Amino acid sequence: METYTLGLALEDFIPVIFSSIGLFFVSRMVKNVNARLGKMATIGFVLVSIGGFLKATWKLTMAATNAQTNIAWFDKGMFMWMSVGFTLLAFALWFMSETRSGKRQLGRIWLGPSIVLGLSLVAILFTGFPDLTVNTWRFILLGVMTIGNVVMVVLAHSTGAL
């Protein structure tokens, strides 16, 4: 069982707070360009923040109770919340940059994220989920989360948000 000190657990909230503040401003920037894309970005920002706060809260709970209270879905849920959130943020920034450059007229903005997340779900189901002893689902979601995060950062940089 993992053990954490109270100080380390509290320190885990710092990157979550700062990244949530930054993602809030990114979602506002997207909303200023297009209200529909702003909703997508806001949902993404909220989901990423929830995932981060749940994981930090799990560590704090583990530290405060000396690993006696393990709320597993706080720990494991981070992957689910953040993979969806970063995917939505990446698509919102992508569509925003294409809209601003005149390359795209907004149509079905939810189709792209739905396909990516649907394919992720299919991959998870084919790898043994809901057997929680098989951790392949976490690696799939970690991959989706990482790709979404990297694409979001690259697009935020190219659009001038960073």
C-alpha atoms as a PDB file:
ATOM      1  CA  MET A   1       0.000   0.000   0.000  1.00  0.00           C
ATOM      2  CA  GLU A   2       1.206   3.475  -0.841  1.00  0.00           C
ATOM      3  CA  THR A   3       1.912   5.884   2.003  1.00  0.00           C
ATOM      4  CA  TYR A   4       2.163   9.659   1.836  1.00  0.00           C
ATOM      5  CA  THR A   5       3.121  12.299   4.352  1.00  0.00           C
ATOM      6  CA  LEU A   6       0.604  15.018   5.068  1.00  0.00           C
ATOM      7  CA  GLY A   7       2.958  17.692   3.722  1.00  0.00           C
ATOM      8  CA  LEU A   8       3.524  15.840   0.465  1.00  0.00           C
ATOM      9  CA  ALA A   9      -0.205  15.268   0.060  1.00  0.00           C
ATOM     10  CA  LEU A  10      -0.970  18.953   0.621  1.00  0.00           C
ATOM     11  CA  GLU A  11       1.787  19.939  -1.800  1.00  0.00           C
ATOM     12  CA  ASP A  12       0.050  17.872  -4.472  1.00  0.00           C
ATOM     13  CA  PHE A  13      -2.718  20.484  -4.623  1.00  0.00           C
ATOM     14  CA  ILE A  14      -0.349  23.214  -5.843  1.00  0.00           C
ATOM     15  CA  PRO A  15       0.076  22.029  -9.466  1.00  0.00           C
ATOM     16  CA  VAL A  16      -3.626  21.200  -9.625  1.00  0.00           C
ATOM     17  CA  ILE A  17      -4.584  24.718  -8.523  1.00  0.00           C
ATOM     18  CA  PHE A  18      -2.153  26.436 -10.902  1.00  0.00           C
ATOM     19  CA  SER A  19      -3.053  24.251 -13.885  1.00  0.00           C
ATOM     20  CA  SER A  20      -6.756  24.790 -13.178  1.00  0.00           C
ATOM     21  CA  ILE A  21      -6.232  28.549 -13.171  1.00  0.00           C
ATOM     22  CA  GLY A  22      -4.319  28.348 -16.455  1.00  0.00           C
ATOM     23  CA  LEU A  23      -6.924  26.113 -18.093  1.00  0.00           C
ATOM     24  CA  PHE A  24      -9.661  28.470 -16.924  1.00  0.00           C
ATOM     25  CA  PHE A  25      -8.001  31.298 -18.857  1.00  0.00           C
ATOM     26  CA  VAL A  26      -7.501  29.064 -21.902  1.00  0.00           C
ATOM     27  CA  SER A  27     -11.205  28.178 -21.860  1.00  0.00           C
ATOM     28  CA  ARG A  28     -12.114  31.880 -21.576  1.00  0.00           C
ATOM     29  CA  MET A  29      -9.873  32.685 -24.540  1.00  0.00           C
ATOM     30  CA  VAL A  30     -11.634  30.028 -26.608  1.00  0.00           C
ATOM     31  CA  LYS A  31     -15.038  31.314 -25.468  1.00  0.00           C
ATOM     32  CA  ASN A  32     -14.097  34.836 -26.613  1.00  0.00           C
ATOM     33  CA  VAL A  33     -13.512  33.468 -30.128  1.00  0.00           C
ATOM     34  CA  ASN A  34     -16.553  31.188 -30.308  1.00  0.00           C
ATOM     35  CA  ALA A  35     -19.219  30.506 -27.679  1.00  0.00           C
ATOM     36  CA  ARG A  36     -19.849  26.882 -28.755  1.00  0.00           C
ATOM     37  CA  LEU A  37     -16.156  26.035 -28.650  1.00  0.00           C
ATOM     38  CA  GLY A  38     -15.971  27.875 -25.339  1.00  0.00           C
ATOM     39  CA  LYS A  39     -18.502  25.433 -23.880  1.00  0.00           C
ATOM     40  CA  MET A  40     -16.370  22.512 -25.062  1.00  0.00           C
ATOM     41  CA  ALA A  41     -13.230  24.077 -23.601  1.00  0.00           C
ATOM     42  CA  THR A  42     -14.980  24.876 -20.312  1.00  0.00           C
ATOM     43  CA  ILE A  43     -16.220  21.306 -19.953  1.00  0.00           C
ATOM     44  CA  GLY A  44     -12.666  20.119 -20.667  1.00  0.00           C
ATOM     45  CA  PHE A  45     -11.174  22.502 -18.093  1.00  0.00           C
ATOM     46  CA  VAL A  46     -13.705  21.391 -15.460  1.00  0.00           C
ATOM     47  CA  LEU A  47     -13.071  17.680 -16.110  1.00  0.00           C
ATOM     48  CA  VAL A  48      -9.277  18.060 -15.936  1.00  0.00           C
ATOM     49  CA  SER A  49      -9.616  20.049 -12.709  1.00  0.00           C
ATOM     50  CA  ILE A  50     -11.950  17.456 -11.174  1.00  0.00           C
ATOM     51  CA  GLY A  51      -9.492  14.673 -12.038  1.00  0.00           C
ATOM     52  CA  GLY A  52      -6.585  16.553 -10.488  1.00  0.00           C
ATOM     53  CA  PHE A  53      -8.463  17.519  -7.344  1.00  0.00           C
ATOM     54  CA  LEU A  54      -9.766  13.970  -6.855  1.00  0.00           C
ATOM     55  CA  LYS A  55      -6.256  12.503  -7.091  1.00  0.00           C
ATOM     56  CA  ALA A  56      -4.830  15.115  -4.704  1.00  0.00           C
ATOM     57  CA  THR A  57      -7.746  14.531  -2.312  1.00  0.00           C
ATOM     58  CA  TRP A  58      -7.103  10.784  -2.465  1.00  0.00           C
ATOM     59  CA  LYS A  59      -3.474  11.344  -1.461  1.00  0.00           C
ATOM     60  CA  LEU A  60      -4.549  13.658   1.350  1.00  0.00           C
ATOM     61  CA  THR A  61      -7.052  11.078   2.593  1.00  0.00           C
ATOM     62  CA  MET A  62      -4.415   8.350   2.462  1.00  0.00           C
ATOM     63  CA  ALA A  63      -1.971  10.526   4.404  1.00  0.00           C
ATOM     64  CA  ALA A  64      -4.503  11.700   6.977  1.00  0.00           C
ATOM     65  CA  THR A  65      -5.796   8.191   7.715  1.00  0.00           C
ATOM     66  CA  ASN A  66      -2.394   6.475   7.482  1.00  0.00           C
ATOM     67  CA  ALA A  67      -3.584   4.547   4.393  1.00  0.00           C
ATOM     68  CA  GLN A  68      -6.607   3.166   6.250  1.00  0.00           C
ATOM     69  CA  THR A  69      -9.136   4.866   3.962  1.00  0.00           C
ATOM     70  CA  ASN A  70      -8.619   4.142   0.278  1.00  0.00           C
ATOM     71  CA  ILE A  71     -11.238   5.684  -2.000  1.00  0.00           C
ATOM     72  CA  ALA A  72     -10.155   3.858  -5.151  1.00  0.00           C
ATOM     73  CA  TRP A  73     -12.293   5.806  -7.606  1.00  0.00           C
ATOM     74  CA  PHE A  74     -10.615   9.053  -6.432  1.00  0.00           C
ATOM     75  CA  ASP A  75      -7.275   7.477  -7.361  1.00  0.00           C
ATOM     76  CA  LYS A  76      -8.222   5.662 -10.558  1.00  0.00           C
ATOM     77  CA  GLY A  77     -10.836   8.173 -11.714  1.00  0.00           C
ATOM     78  CA  MET A  78      -8.155  10.735 -12.532  1.00  0.00           C
ATOM     79  CA  PHE A  79      -7.444   8.933 -15.805  1.00  0.00           C
ATOM     80  CA  MET A  80     -11.083   8.967 -16.876  1.00  0.00           C
ATOM     81  CA  TRP A  81     -11.728  12.625 -16.048  1.00  0.00           C
ATOM     82  CA  MET A  82      -8.471  13.956 -17.459  1.00  0.00           C
ATOM     83  CA  SER A  83      -8.441  11.944 -20.687  1.00  0.00           C
ATOM     84  CA  VAL A  84     -11.867  13.296 -21.631  1.00  0.00           C
ATOM     85  CA  GLY A  85     -10.996  16.818 -20.458  1.00  0.00           C
ATOM     86  CA  PHE A  86      -7.721  17.109 -22.357  1.00  0.00           C
ATOM     87  CA  THR A  87      -9.340  15.645 -25.483  1.00  0.00           C
ATOM     88  CA  LEU A  88     -12.074  18.286 -25.363  1.00  0.00           C
ATOM     89  CA  LEU A  89      -9.564  21.081 -24.748  1.00  0.00           C
ATOM     90  CA  ALA A  90      -7.352  19.931 -27.613  1.00  0.00           C
ATOM     91  CA  PHE A  91     -10.262  19.794 -30.060  1.00  0.00           C
ATOM     92  CA  ALA A  92     -11.587  23.177 -28.882  1.00  0.00           C
ATOM     93  CA  LEU A  93      -8.192  24.807 -29.453  1.00  0.00           C
ATOM     94  CA  TRP A  94      -7.764  23.073 -32.807  1.00  0.00           C
ATOM     95  CA  PHE A  95     -11.170  24.191 -34.056  1.00  0.00           C
ATOM     96  CA  MET A  96     -10.584  27.684 -32.668  1.00  0.00           C
ATOM     97  CA  SER A  97      -7.313  28.078 -34.549  1.00  0.00           C
ATOM     98  CA  GLU A  98      -8.892  26.839 -37.771  1.00  0.00           C
ATOM     99  CA  THR A  99     -11.901  29.116 -37.312  1.00  0.00           C
ATOM    100  CA  ARG A 100      -9.681  32.149 -36.729  1.00  0.00           C
ATOM    101  CA  SER A 101      -7.620  31.383 -39.825  1.00  0.00           C
ATOM    102  CA  GLY A 102     -10.758  30.886 -41.935  1.00  0.00           C
ATOM    103  CA  LYS A 103     -10.010  27.216 -42.714  1.00  0.00           C
ATOM    104  CA  ARG A 104     -13.104  25.808 -41.026  1.00  0.00           C
ATOM    105  CA  GLN A 105     -16.743  26.600 -40.615  1.00  0.00           C
ATOM    106  CA  LEU A 106     -18.004  25.106 -37.394  1.00  0.00           C
ATOM    107  CA  GLY A 107     -20.427  22.268 -37.861  1.00  0.00           C
ATOM    108  CA  ARG A 108     -20.478  19.146 -35.749  1.00  0.00           C
ATOM    109  CA  ILE A 109     -17.825  20.108 -33.217  1.00  0.00           C
ATOM    110  CA  TRP A 110     -18.572  17.144 -30.940  1.00  0.00           C
ATOM    111  CA  LEU A 111     -17.993  14.533 -33.642  1.00  0.00           C
ATOM    112  CA  GLY A 112     -14.167  14.489 -33.428  1.00  0.00           C
ATOM    113  CA  PRO A 113     -13.928  14.150 -29.644  1.00  0.00           C
ATOM    114  CA  SER A 114     -16.721  11.560 -29.706  1.00  0.00           C
ATOM    115  CA  ILE A 115     -14.806   9.423 -32.207  1.00  0.00           C
ATOM    116  CA  VAL A 116     -11.538   9.628 -30.235  1.00  0.00           C
ATOM    117  CA  LEU A 117     -13.200   8.846 -26.923  1.00  0.00           C
ATOM    118  CA  GLY A 118     -15.420   6.162 -28.463  1.00  0.00           C
ATOM    119  CA  LEU A 119     -12.407   4.388 -29.952  1.00  0.00           C
ATOM    120  CA  SER A 120     -10.703   4.628 -26.567  1.00  0.00           C
ATOM    121  CA  LEU A 121     -13.716   3.019 -24.927  1.00  0.00           C
ATOM    122  CA  VAL A 122     -13.738   0.219 -27.516  1.00  0.00           C
ATOM    123  CA  ALA A 123     -10.015  -0.381 -26.880  1.00  0.00           C
ATOM    124  CA  ILE A 124     -10.642  -0.498 -23.129  1.00  0.00           C
ATOM    125  CA  LEU A 125     -13.500  -2.971 -23.506  1.00  0.00           C
ATOM    126  CA  PHE A 126     -11.360  -5.256 -25.677  1.00  0.00           C
ATOM    127  CA  THR A 127      -8.533  -5.293 -23.139  1.00  0.00           C
ATOM    128  CA  GLY A 128     -10.416  -6.755 -20.214  1.00  0.00           C
ATOM    129  CA  PHE A 129     -12.311  -3.924 -18.543  1.00  0.00           C
ATOM    130  CA  PRO A 130     -14.113  -4.045 -16.085  1.00  0.00           C
ATOM    131  CA  ASP A 131     -11.598  -6.538 -14.641  1.00  0.00           C
ATOM    132  CA  LEU A 132      -9.805  -3.987 -12.466  1.00  0.00           C
ATOM    133  CA  THR A 133      -6.874  -6.332 -11.913  1.00  0.00           C
ATOM    134  CA  VAL A 134      -5.922  -5.738 -15.548  1.00  0.00           C
ATOM    135  CA  ASN A 135      -4.441  -2.247 -15.737  1.00  0.00           C
ATOM    136  CA  THR A 136      -4.457  -1.935 -19.516  1.00  0.00           C
ATOM    137  CA  TRP A 137      -7.404   0.479 -19.374  1.00  0.00           C
ATOM    138  CA  ARG A 138      -5.305   2.919 -17.327  1.00  0.00           C
ATOM    139  CA  PHE A 139      -2.540   2.864 -19.917  1.00  0.00           C
ATOM    140  CA  ILE A 140      -5.005   3.479 -22.738  1.00  0.00           C
ATOM    141  CA  LEU A 141      -6.510   6.435 -20.881  1.00  0.00           C
ATOM    142  CA  LEU A 142      -3.043   7.667 -19.928  1.00  0.00           C
ATOM    143  CA  GLY A 143      -2.113   7.610 -23.625  1.00  0.00           C
ATOM    144  CA  VAL A 144      -5.261   9.514 -24.624  1.00  0.00           C
ATOM    145  CA  MET A 145      -4.682  11.976 -21.783  1.00  0.00           C
ATOM    146  CA  THR A 146      -1.034  12.527 -22.738  1.00  0.00           C
ATOM    147  CA  ILE A 147      -1.750  12.991 -26.438  1.00  0.00           C
ATOM    148  CA  GLY A 148      -4.593  15.391 -25.654  1.00  0.00           C
ATOM    149  CA  ASN A 149      -2.381  17.336 -23.251  1.00  0.00           C
ATOM    150  CA  VAL A 150       0.538  17.606 -25.705  1.00  0.00           C
ATOM    151  CA  VAL A 151      -1.735  18.619 -28.598  1.00  0.00           C
ATOM    152  CA  MET A 152      -3.444  21.166 -26.360  1.00  0.00           C
ATOM    153  CA  VAL A 153      -0.131  22.708 -25.294  1.00  0.00           C
ATOM    154  CA  VAL A 154       1.186  22.850 -28.891  1.00  0.00           C
ATOM    155  CA  LEU A 155      -2.051  24.435 -30.116  1.00  0.00           C
ATOM    156  CA  ALA A 156      -2.164  26.861 -27.179  1.00  0.00           C
ATOM    157  CA  HIS A 157       1.372  27.922 -28.010  1.00  0.00           C
ATOM    158  CA  SER A 158       0.649  28.292 -31.744  1.00  0.00           C
ATOM    159  CA  THR A 159      -2.524  30.312 -31.093  1.00  0.00           C
ATOM    160  CA  GLY A 160      -0.723  32.692 -28.784  1.00  0.00           C
ATOM    161  CA  ALA A 161      -2.336  31.514 -25.565  1.00  0.00           C
ATOM    162  CA  LEU A 162       1.074  30.703 -24.088  1.00  0.00           C
END
